[in-house]
Amino acid sequence: MGPIRRTAGIEVTDSDLRVAIVQSQFGSFRVLRTAEIAGFASMSEEAKRDALRTLVKRHALHRMQVY
């Protein structure tokens, strides 16, 4: 069995922020979960920070590679 890796991809659109958590093993990929923060671009800096902090805690992104 090869190593199982979990990776988080972040996409910033015109107004939203999207995150996808992907698991890979032997060259095959599987999306485990996705999350979206609607209206991210129009939030204040403090609200953005709080929303990202909540997202990181909820999905344990600090233990993953983030691209």
N, C-alpha and C. Protein backbone atom coordinates (compact mmCIF):
# COMPACT_ATOMS: atom_id res chain seq x y z
N MET A 1 0.82 -1.17 0.00
CA MET A 1 0.00 0.00 0.00
C MET A 1 0.87 1.24 0.00
N GLY A 2 0.53 2.20 -0.85
CA GLY A 2 1.29 3.43 -0.94
C GLY A 2 0.82 4.45 0.08
N PRO A 3 1.56 5.53 0.18
CA PRO A 3 1.16 6.56 1.14
C PRO A 3 -0.13 7.25 0.71
N ILE A 4 -0.96 7.51 1.66
CA ILE A 4 -2.19 8.25 1.43
C ILE A 4 -1.92 9.70 1.79
N ARG A 5 -2.16 10.60 0.84
CA ARG A 5 -1.90 12.03 1.07
C ARG A 5 -3.20 12.79 0.98
N ARG A 6 -3.36 13.75 1.84
CA ARG A 6 -4.50 14.66 1.77
C ARG A 6 -4.00 16.05 1.46
N THR A 7 -4.66 16.68 0.52
CA THR A 7 -4.26 18.00 0.05
C THR A 7 -5.48 18.89 0.02
N ALA A 8 -5.28 20.16 0.31
CA ALA A 8 -6.36 21.14 0.23
C ALA A 8 -6.05 22.13 -0.89
N GLY A 9 -7.01 22.32 -1.77
CA GLY A 9 -6.88 23.31 -2.83
C GLY A 9 -7.79 24.48 -2.54
N ILE A 10 -7.29 25.69 -2.71
CA ILE A 10 -8.07 26.90 -2.42
C ILE A 10 -8.25 27.69 -3.70
N GLU A 11 -9.48 28.12 -3.96
CA GLU A 11 -9.80 28.93 -5.13
C GLU A 11 -10.53 30.18 -4.66
N VAL A 12 -10.07 31.32 -5.12
CA VAL A 12 -10.73 32.59 -4.81
C VAL A 12 -11.39 33.08 -6.09
N THR A 13 -12.71 33.20 -6.07
CA THR A 13 -13.44 33.71 -7.23
C THR A 13 -13.69 35.20 -7.02
N ASP A 14 -14.55 35.79 -7.84
CA ASP A 14 -14.85 37.22 -7.70
C ASP A 14 -15.39 37.58 -6.32
N SER A 15 -16.22 36.70 -5.75
CA SER A 15 -16.80 37.05 -4.46
C SER A 15 -16.70 35.95 -3.41
N ASP A 16 -16.36 34.73 -3.80
CA ASP A 16 -16.36 33.60 -2.88
C ASP A 16 -14.98 32.99 -2.72
N LEU A 17 -14.84 32.18 -1.68
CA LEU A 17 -13.63 31.39 -1.46
C LEU A 17 -14.06 29.94 -1.37
N ARG A 18 -13.42 29.07 -2.15
CA ARG A 18 -13.77 27.65 -2.16
C ARG A 18 -12.56 26.83 -1.77
N VAL A 19 -12.82 25.75 -1.01
CA VAL A 19 -11.76 24.85 -0.57
C VAL A 19 -12.20 23.42 -0.90
N ALA A 20 -11.29 22.64 -1.48
CA ALA A 20 -11.55 21.22 -1.75
C ALA A 20 -10.49 20.39 -1.04
N ILE A 21 -10.91 19.38 -0.32
CA ILE A 21 -10.00 18.45 0.36
C ILE A 21 -9.94 17.19 -0.50
N VAL A 22 -8.74 16.84 -0.98
CA VAL A 22 -8.56 15.73 -1.91
C VAL A 22 -7.61 14.71 -1.29
N GLN A 23 -7.93 13.44 -1.45
CA GLN A 23 -7.07 12.35 -0.99
C GLN A 23 -6.48 11.66 -2.21
N SER A 24 -5.19 11.38 -2.19
CA SER A 24 -4.56 10.70 -3.32
C SER A 24 -3.80 9.48 -2.84
N GLN A 25 -3.85 8.43 -3.67
CA GLN A 25 -3.11 7.21 -3.40
C GLN A 25 -2.89 6.50 -4.74
N PHE A 26 -1.66 6.14 -5.04
CA PHE A 26 -1.30 5.46 -6.28
C PHE A 26 -1.75 6.24 -7.51
N GLY A 27 -1.69 7.55 -7.47
CA GLY A 27 -2.04 8.37 -8.63
C GLY A 27 -3.52 8.59 -8.84
N SER A 28 -4.37 8.04 -8.01
CA SER A 28 -5.80 8.28 -8.14
C SER A 28 -6.23 9.29 -7.07
N PHE A 29 -7.17 10.12 -7.42
CA PHE A 29 -7.61 11.19 -6.54
C PHE A 29 -9.09 11.02 -6.20
N ARG A 30 -9.43 11.43 -4.98
CA ARG A 30 -10.81 11.36 -4.53
C ARG A 30 -11.11 12.61 -3.72
N VAL A 31 -12.19 13.31 -4.08
CA VAL A 31 -12.60 14.50 -3.33
C VAL A 31 -13.31 14.04 -2.06
N LEU A 32 -12.77 14.44 -0.92
CA LEU A 32 -13.36 14.05 0.35
C LEU A 32 -14.45 15.01 0.79
N ARG A 33 -14.19 16.30 0.62
CA ARG A 33 -15.20 17.31 1.01
C ARG A 33 -14.86 18.63 0.36
N THR A 34 -15.85 19.48 0.28
CA THR A 34 -15.65 20.83 -0.23
C THR A 34 -16.31 21.80 0.75
N ALA A 35 -15.83 23.02 0.72
CA ALA A 35 -16.40 24.07 1.57
C ALA A 35 -16.36 25.38 0.79
N GLU A 36 -17.28 26.26 1.08
CA GLU A 36 -17.33 27.55 0.41
C GLU A 36 -17.69 28.63 1.41
N ILE A 37 -17.01 29.76 1.30
CA ILE A 37 -17.36 30.93 2.10
C ILE A 37 -17.93 31.94 1.12
N ALA A 38 -19.24 32.07 1.13
CA ALA A 38 -19.92 32.99 0.21
C ALA A 38 -19.70 34.43 0.65
N GLY A 39 -19.49 35.31 -0.33
CA GLY A 39 -19.30 36.72 -0.04
C GLY A 39 -17.97 37.05 0.60
N PHE A 40 -16.97 36.21 0.40
CA PHE A 40 -15.67 36.38 1.05
C PHE A 40 -15.01 37.71 0.68
N ALA A 41 -15.10 38.09 -0.59
CA ALA A 41 -14.43 39.31 -1.06
C ALA A 41 -15.01 40.57 -0.42
N SER A 42 -16.27 40.55 -0.08
CA SER A 42 -16.89 41.75 0.48
C SER A 42 -16.83 41.82 2.01
N MET A 43 -16.24 40.82 2.64
CA MET A 43 -16.12 40.81 4.11
C MET A 43 -15.02 41.76 4.56
N SER A 44 -15.13 42.21 5.79
CA SER A 44 -14.05 43.01 6.38
C SER A 44 -12.86 42.09 6.66
N GLU A 45 -11.70 42.67 6.87
CA GLU A 45 -10.50 41.87 7.13
C GLU A 45 -10.66 40.99 8.36
N GLU A 46 -11.28 41.51 9.39
CA GLU A 46 -11.49 40.73 10.61
C GLU A 46 -12.45 39.57 10.37
N ALA A 47 -13.51 39.80 9.60
CA ALA A 47 -14.47 38.74 9.29
C ALA A 47 -13.82 37.67 8.42
N LYS A 48 -12.95 38.08 7.49
CA LYS A 48 -12.22 37.11 6.66
C LYS A 48 -11.33 36.23 7.52
N ARG A 49 -10.62 36.85 8.43
CA ARG A 49 -9.72 36.11 9.32
C ARG A 49 -10.50 35.11 10.17
N ASP A 50 -11.63 35.54 10.72
CA ASP A 50 -12.45 34.65 11.54
C ASP A 50 -13.03 33.50 10.72
N ALA A 51 -13.48 33.79 9.50
CA ALA A 51 -14.04 32.75 8.63
C ALA A 51 -12.97 31.73 8.25
N LEU A 52 -11.77 32.19 7.92
CA LEU A 52 -10.68 31.27 7.59
C LEU A 52 -10.26 30.45 8.79
N ARG A 53 -10.20 31.07 9.95
CA ARG A 53 -9.82 30.35 11.17
C ARG A 53 -10.82 29.23 11.46
N THR A 54 -12.11 29.52 11.30
CA THR A 54 -13.14 28.51 11.51
C THR A 54 -13.01 27.38 10.50
N LEU A 55 -12.75 27.73 9.25
CA LEU A 55 -12.58 26.72 8.19
C LEU A 55 -11.38 25.83 8.47
N VAL A 56 -10.26 26.41 8.89
CA VAL A 56 -9.05 25.65 9.19
C VAL A 56 -9.29 24.69 10.35
N LYS A 57 -9.97 25.14 11.39
CA LYS A 57 -10.25 24.28 12.53
C LYS A 57 -11.22 23.16 12.16
N ARG A 58 -12.27 23.50 11.43
CA ARG A 58 -13.30 22.51 11.08
C ARG A 58 -12.74 21.39 10.21
N HIS A 59 -11.85 21.72 9.27
CA HIS A 59 -11.34 20.72 8.33
C HIS A 59 -9.90 20.31 8.61
N ALA A 60 -9.33 20.75 9.71
CA ALA A 60 -7.97 20.39 10.12
C ALA A 60 -6.96 20.63 9.00
N LEU A 61 -7.01 21.79 8.38
CA LEU A 61 -6.12 22.11 7.26
C LEU A 61 -4.68 22.34 7.69
N HIS A 62 -4.43 22.62 8.94
CA HIS A 62 -3.06 22.86 9.39
C HIS A 62 -2.19 21.62 9.29
N ARG A 63 -2.78 20.46 9.15
CA ARG A 63 -2.01 19.22 9.03
C ARG A 63 -1.85 18.78 7.58
N MET A 64 -2.28 19.59 6.64
CA MET A 64 -2.27 19.20 5.23
C MET A 64 -1.39 20.13 4.42
N GLN A 65 -1.14 19.70 3.20
CA GLN A 65 -0.50 20.59 2.23
C GLN A 65 -1.61 21.42 1.61
N VAL A 66 -1.40 22.70 1.49
CA VAL A 66 -2.40 23.60 0.93
C VAL A 66 -1.83 24.24 -0.31
N TYR A 67 -2.58 24.17 -1.41
CA TYR A 67 -2.16 24.76 -2.69
C TYR A 67 -3.17 25.78 -3.15
